């Protein structure tokens, strides 16, 4: 289970994340005008020699400048979180995003690509084309990250930092369809990350807004992490990971037992005059095996 935390902008915060067992440390280049930030470079480069990976979001679209930023920061992953739809939820022309990602893979083969896939809030847009969008972008991406789509986003042109949860059933559909790992994001907090992982069964969980410090009114403060929340988030995500592994192992044991039982019963069948009840028992075991295998397939990301 990949645990990813945004927005980590200083070496001190990155070191704390490493201590807490974070897998992906996410940082943001906020401006095209000030894209070279030495302290941010130091933050990103802390992942070198450690098991943790760095992820970088550029909040600009200029391809040449994105390449310059990759040369400068040298992250493990570049993360694109463009909205990909209009405010009504209609998919944008995705060809330019495919072209960008394909070109970066050729120029920077060592850098992985994380692509955010917008997912609406539960009940907000039942026909939202998230699966179609993901299918088009899958070949040029290494990870998907699902984030909450509102239509009018906090940062125009990008999805994320809403603090609100997306439709987990939709995310689960993407996890099942996707051929690449899916990281669940969107309003995840220490209080809901366990339940979200248990329902969605993603490859990872991401938090930004809900692990930030807050003002007296309760609104989150950007770029100021509350590391007590981060620590609890990690513990809850790891608890879910452990539980999923236990459930997966139980399914493996059950499947092995059913297959062994099936073999024994088939081997015991007489050469002639097989009784109808014997056939019925074997068919029932075969049906149960199929159901367990379908259930087991849900755990492909675990």
Protein backbone atom coordinates (compact mmCIF):
# COMPACT_ATOMS: atom_id res chain seq x y z
CA UNK A 1 0.00 0.00 0.00
CA UNK A 2 1.53 3.28 -1.15
CA UNK A 3 1.02 6.16 1.26
CA UNK A 4 1.45 9.53 -0.40
CA UNK A 5 1.38 12.93 1.31
CA UNK A 6 1.12 16.37 -0.32
CA UNK A 7 2.07 19.31 -0.08
CA UNK A 8 5.59 18.89 1.33
CA UNK A 9 7.66 21.97 0.52
CA UNK A 10 10.59 21.94 2.97
CA UNK A 11 13.36 19.48 3.86
CA UNK A 12 12.26 19.42 7.49
CA UNK A 13 8.78 18.25 6.50
CA UNK A 14 10.22 15.69 4.10
CA UNK A 15 12.47 14.27 6.82
CA UNK A 16 9.47 13.96 9.13
CA UNK A 17 7.54 12.13 6.41
CA UNK A 18 10.42 9.70 5.96
CA UNK A 19 10.46 9.06 9.73
CA UNK A 20 6.73 8.27 9.66
CA UNK A 21 7.06 5.75 6.83
CA UNK A 22 5.57 7.71 3.94
CA UNK A 23 6.18 6.08 0.54
CA UNK A 24 5.64 9.05 -1.79
CA UNK A 25 6.45 12.64 -0.79
CA UNK A 26 4.57 15.11 -2.96
CA UNK A 27 5.67 18.68 -3.64
CA UNK A 28 4.30 21.48 -5.82
CA UNK A 29 5.95 24.01 -8.13
CA UNK A 30 3.50 26.86 -7.71
CA UNK A 31 4.53 29.37 -10.32
CA UNK A 32 6.02 29.54 -13.78
CA UNK A 33 7.62 32.85 -12.80
CA UNK A 34 9.39 31.29 -9.80
CA UNK A 35 9.90 27.71 -10.89
CA UNK A 36 13.45 27.37 -9.54
CA UNK A 37 13.13 27.08 -5.76
CA UNK A 38 16.35 25.80 -4.13
CA UNK A 39 14.69 24.74 -0.87
CA UNK A 40 12.11 22.77 -2.86
CA UNK A 41 14.88 21.11 -4.86
CA UNK A 42 16.51 20.07 -1.59
CA UNK A 43 13.15 18.70 -0.44
CA UNK A 44 12.67 16.63 -3.59
CA UNK A 45 16.22 15.32 -3.58
CA UNK A 46 15.93 13.97 -0.02
CA UNK A 47 14.40 10.84 -1.50
CA UNK A 48 17.74 9.89 -3.05
CA UNK A 49 19.21 6.92 -1.26
CA UNK A 50 16.00 6.37 0.72
CA UNK A 51 13.13 3.98 0.06
CA UNK A 52 10.76 6.93 -0.30
CA UNK A 53 9.92 8.36 -3.73
CA UNK A 54 9.44 12.01 -4.68
CA UNK A 55 6.52 13.33 -6.70
CA UNK A 56 6.29 16.80 -8.23
CA UNK A 57 3.24 18.73 -9.46
CA UNK A 58 3.95 21.64 -11.85
CA UNK A 59 1.14 24.20 -11.85
CA UNK A 60 1.85 25.31 -15.40
CA UNK A 61 1.48 23.85 -18.88
CA UNK A 62 4.47 25.09 -20.86
CA UNK A 63 6.19 21.94 -22.13
CA UNK A 64 9.65 23.47 -22.35
CA UNK A 65 9.39 24.74 -18.78
CA UNK A 66 8.15 21.37 -17.55
CA UNK A 67 11.25 19.80 -19.09
CA UNK A 68 13.46 22.42 -17.46
CA UNK A 69 11.77 21.75 -14.11
CA UNK A 70 12.40 18.02 -14.47
CA UNK A 71 16.06 18.68 -15.24
CA UNK A 72 16.33 20.93 -12.20
CA UNK A 73 14.40 18.93 -9.58
CA UNK A 74 14.93 15.37 -10.88
CA UNK A 75 11.91 13.83 -9.11
CA UNK A 76 10.97 10.16 -9.24
CA UNK A 77 7.50 11.07 -10.53
CA UNK A 78 5.88 14.01 -12.23
CA UNK A 79 2.22 14.40 -11.33
CA UNK A 80 -0.30 16.04 -13.64
CA UNK A 81 -3.62 17.09 -12.14
CA UNK A 82 -5.33 18.99 -14.96
CA UNK A 83 -9.12 19.11 -14.74
CA UNK A 84 -9.59 17.09 -17.99
CA UNK A 85 -13.24 18.21 -18.25
CA UNK A 86 -15.23 21.41 -18.54
CA UNK A 87 -17.39 22.68 -15.69
CA UNK A 88 -20.30 20.59 -16.94
CA UNK A 89 -18.27 17.39 -16.76
CA UNK A 90 -17.71 16.91 -20.48
CA UNK A 91 -14.32 15.41 -21.32
CA UNK A 92 -11.74 17.76 -22.79
CA UNK A 93 -9.68 17.00 -25.88
CA UNK A 94 -7.18 14.60 -24.32
CA UNK A 95 -4.80 14.40 -27.27
CA UNK A 96 -2.56 17.17 -25.97
CA UNK A 97 -2.17 15.38 -22.64
CA UNK A 98 -1.29 12.12 -24.38
CA UNK A 99 1.25 13.97 -26.53
CA UNK A 100 2.79 15.62 -23.45
CA UNK A 101 3.08 12.39 -21.48
CA UNK A 102 4.36 10.36 -24.41
CA UNK A 103 6.99 12.99 -25.15
CA UNK A 104 8.13 13.11 -21.53
CA UNK A 105 8.45 9.33 -21.43
CA UNK A 106 10.78 9.51 -24.41
CA UNK A 107 12.85 12.40 -23.02
CA UNK A 108 12.82 11.39 -19.34
CA UNK A 109 12.35 7.60 -19.28
CA UNK A 110 13.55 7.49 -15.67
CA UNK A 111 10.65 9.69 -14.47
CA UNK A 112 7.30 8.04 -13.81
CA UNK A 113 4.03 9.79 -14.61
CA UNK A 114 1.12 10.10 -12.18
CA UNK A 115 -2.09 11.30 -13.78
CA UNK A 116 -5.02 12.56 -11.70
CA UNK A 117 -8.41 11.26 -12.80
CA UNK A 118 -11.38 13.44 -11.77
CA UNK A 119 -14.15 11.69 -9.86
CA UNK A 120 -17.33 13.57 -8.80
CA UNK A 121 -18.85 13.49 -5.35
CA UNK A 122 -21.32 10.69 -4.73
CA UNK A 123 -24.54 11.31 -6.65
CA UNK A 124 -23.31 14.53 -8.26
CA UNK A 125 -22.74 13.27 -11.83
CA UNK A 126 -23.76 9.64 -12.46
CA UNK A 127 -22.70 9.75 -16.13
CA UNK A 128 -19.30 11.35 -15.52
CA UNK A 129 -16.82 9.97 -18.14
CA UNK A 130 -14.03 9.02 -15.73
CA UNK A 131 -13.57 5.50 -17.12
CA UNK A 132 -13.33 6.77 -20.68
CA UNK A 133 -10.80 9.44 -19.66
CA UNK A 134 -8.68 6.89 -17.79
CA UNK A 135 -8.71 4.41 -20.66
CA UNK A 136 -7.35 7.04 -23.06
CA UNK A 137 -4.55 8.15 -20.71
CA UNK A 138 -3.60 4.74 -19.35
CA UNK A 139 -0.91 3.83 -21.89
CA UNK A 140 1.12 6.97 -21.20
CA UNK A 141 0.71 6.92 -17.39
CA UNK A 142 2.37 4.86 -14.65
CA UNK A 143 -0.14 5.63 -11.89
CA UNK A 144 -3.63 7.06 -11.69
CA UNK A 145 -4.63 9.19 -8.73
CA UNK A 146 -8.34 9.76 -8.24
CA UNK A 147 -9.30 13.19 -6.95
CA UNK A 148 -12.56 14.96 -6.29
CA UNK A 149 -14.15 16.89 -9.16
CA UNK A 150 -16.51 19.75 -8.28
CA UNK A 151 -16.87 21.50 -11.64
CA UNK A 152 -15.50 24.74 -10.25
CA UNK A 153 -12.21 23.86 -8.62
CA UNK A 154 -10.22 25.68 -5.89
CA UNK A 155 -7.35 26.14 -8.37
CA UNK A 156 -8.72 26.90 -11.83
CA UNK A 157 -7.76 24.31 -14.41
CA UNK A 158 -6.67 21.70 -11.87
CA UNK A 159 -8.42 19.20 -9.63
CA UNK A 160 -7.54 18.66 -5.99
CA UNK A 161 -7.30 20.31 -2.55
CA UNK A 162 -11.09 20.30 -2.15
CA UNK A 163 -11.05 18.48 1.18
CA UNK A 164 -14.13 16.58 -0.03
CA UNK A 165 -14.49 12.88 -0.77
CA UNK A 166 -15.20 11.51 -4.22
CA UNK A 167 -17.62 8.70 -5.07
CA UNK A 168 -15.80 5.61 -3.78
CA UNK A 169 -17.96 3.28 -5.88
CA UNK A 170 -16.73 5.05 -9.01
CA UNK A 171 -13.16 4.80 -7.78
CA UNK A 172 -13.64 1.09 -7.17
CA UNK A 173 -14.84 0.73 -10.77
CA UNK A 174 -11.65 2.41 -11.97
CA UNK A 175 -9.50 0.15 -9.78
CA UNK A 176 -11.13 -2.89 -11.36
CA UNK A 177 -10.76 -1.60 -14.93
CA UNK A 178 -7.29 -0.09 -14.71
CA UNK A 179 -4.19 -1.93 -15.86
CA UNK A 180 -1.99 0.44 -13.84
CA UNK A 181 -2.01 1.12 -10.06
CA UNK A 182 -4.64 3.52 -8.72
CA UNK A 183 -3.95 5.78 -5.73
CA UNK A 184 -7.08 6.94 -3.92
CA UNK A 185 -7.24 10.63 -3.00
CA UNK A 186 -9.88 13.27 -2.37
CA UNK A 187 -10.79 14.27 1.18
CA UNK A 188 -8.92 11.39 2.82
CA UNK A 189 -8.25 11.95 6.50
CA UNK A 190 -7.05 9.92 9.49
CA UNK A 191 -10.73 9.30 10.27
CA UNK A 192 -11.84 7.89 6.91
CA UNK A 193 -8.75 6.41 5.27
CA UNK A 194 -9.27 2.95 6.80
CA UNK A 195 -12.86 2.69 5.56
CA UNK A 196 -11.98 4.11 2.15
CA UNK A 197 -9.20 1.59 1.58
CA UNK A 198 -11.35 -1.31 2.75
CA UNK A 199 -14.11 -0.31 0.30
CA UNK A 200 -12.05 0.69 -2.74
CA UNK A 201 -9.03 -1.68 -2.46
CA UNK A 202 -6.64 0.76 -4.17
CA UNK A 203 -2.89 0.49 -4.61
CA UNK A 204 -2.35 3.53 -2.43
CA UNK A 205 -3.88 6.36 -0.42
CA UNK A 206 -3.08 10.06 -0.67
CA UNK A 207 -3.76 12.96 1.67
CA UNK A 208 -3.23 16.68 1.41
CA UNK A 209 -5.88 19.01 2.82
CA UNK A 210 -7.14 16.79 5.63
CA UNK A 211 -3.68 16.34 7.16
CA UNK A 212 -2.97 20.08 7.26
CA UNK A 213 -2.98 22.44 10.21
CA UNK A 214 -6.23 24.40 10.57
CA UNK A 215 -7.20 27.90 11.66
CA UNK A 216 -9.58 28.46 14.57
CA UNK A 217 -12.59 28.25 12.23
CA UNK A 218 -11.41 24.81 11.12
CA UNK A 219 -10.29 25.67 7.60
CA UNK A 220 -7.05 23.97 6.51
CA UNK A 221 -3.86 25.98 6.06
CA UNK A 222 -2.08 25.19 2.83
CA UNK A 223 1.52 23.98 3.06
CA UNK A 224 1.39 23.52 6.83
CA UNK A 225 1.18 19.86 7.80
CA UNK A 226 -0.14 18.61 11.10
CA UNK A 227 2.20 15.69 11.68
CA UNK A 228 0.03 14.20 14.40
CA UNK A 229 -2.65 13.83 11.73
CA UNK A 230 -0.10 12.47 9.26
CA UNK A 231 1.08 9.90 11.80
CA UNK A 232 -2.48 8.76 12.47
CA UNK A 233 -3.18 8.65 8.72
CA UNK A 234 -0.21 6.34 8.23
CA UNK A 235 -1.28 4.06 11.10
CA UNK A 236 -4.83 3.77 9.79
CA UNK A 237 -3.68 3.11 6.23
CA UNK A 238 -1.27 0.42 7.43
CA UNK A 239 -4.05 -1.11 9.55
CA UNK A 240 -6.22 -1.36 6.45
CA UNK A 241 -3.33 -2.81 4.47
CA UNK A 242 -2.81 -5.51 7.10
CA UNK A 243 -6.51 -6.35 7.19
CA UNK A 244 -6.68 -6.65 3.40
CA UNK A 245 -3.69 -8.98 3.35
CA UNK A 246 -5.36 -11.15 5.99
CA UNK A 247 -8.58 -11.29 3.96
CA UNK A 248 -6.65 -12.12 0.81
CA UNK A 249 -4.81 -14.96 2.56
CA UNK A 250 -8.12 -16.39 3.79
CA UNK A 251 -9.44 -16.38 0.24
CA UNK A 252 -6.28 -18.14 -0.98
CA UNK A 253 -6.71 -20.84 1.68
CA UNK A 254 -10.40 -21.22 0.87
CA UNK A 255 -9.70 -21.49 -2.85
CA UNK A 256 -6.99 -24.09 -2.33
CA UNK A 257 -9.31 -26.11 -0.11
CA UNK A 258 -12.14 -26.01 -2.62
CA UNK A 259 -9.88 -27.05 -5.49
CA UNK A 260 -8.47 -29.92 -3.45
CA UNK A 261 -12.00 -31.04 -2.54
CA UNK A 262 -13.03 -30.85 -6.18
CA UNK A 263 -10.07 -32.96 -7.27
CA UNK A 264 -10.76 -35.59 -4.62
CA UNK A 265 -14.41 -35.87 -5.64
CA UNK A 266 -13.57 -36.05 -9.34
CA UNK A 267 -10.95 -38.72 -8.70
CA UNK A 268 -13.48 -40.71 -6.68
CA UNK A 269 -16.07 -40.80 -9.46
CA UNK A 270 -16.68 -44.30 -10.80
CA UNK A 271 -15.86 -44.96 -14.42
CA UNK A 272 -19.50 -45.78 -15.10
CA UNK A 273 -22.89 -45.08 -13.56
CA UNK A 274 -22.13 -41.68 -12.04
CA UNK A 275 -24.99 -40.70 -9.76
CA UNK A 276 -26.82 -37.38 -10.31
CA UNK A 277 -26.15 -36.28 -6.73
CA UNK A 278 -22.40 -36.73 -7.30
CA UNK A 279 -22.55 -34.45 -10.34
CA UNK A 280 -24.59 -31.89 -8.38
CA UNK A 281 -22.01 -31.79 -5.59
CA UNK A 282 -19.17 -31.27 -8.06
CA UNK A 283 -21.08 -28.52 -9.88
CA UNK A 284 -21.80 -26.80 -6.56
CA UNK A 285 -18.08 -26.82 -5.70
CA UNK A 286 -17.24 -25.44 -9.15
CA UNK A 287 -19.77 -22.64 -8.67
CA UNK A 288 -18.30 -21.79 -5.28
CA UNK A 289 -14.79 -21.75 -6.76
CA UNK A 290 -15.96 -19.28 -9.38
CA UNK A 291 -17.46 -16.99 -6.73
CA UNK A 292 -14.29 -17.07 -4.62
CA UNK A 293 -12.14 -16.36 -7.68
CA UNK A 294 -14.32 -13.36 -8.53
CA UNK A 295 -13.97 -12.10 -4.96
CA UNK A 296 -10.22 -12.72 -5.07
CA UNK A 297 -9.92 -10.64 -8.25
CA UNK A 298 -10.98 -7.58 -6.25
CA UNK A 299 -7.71 -7.85 -4.32
CA UNK A 300 -5.47 -7.49 -7.39
CA UNK A 301 -4.01 -4.22 -6.05
CA UNK A 302 -3.36 -5.56 -2.55
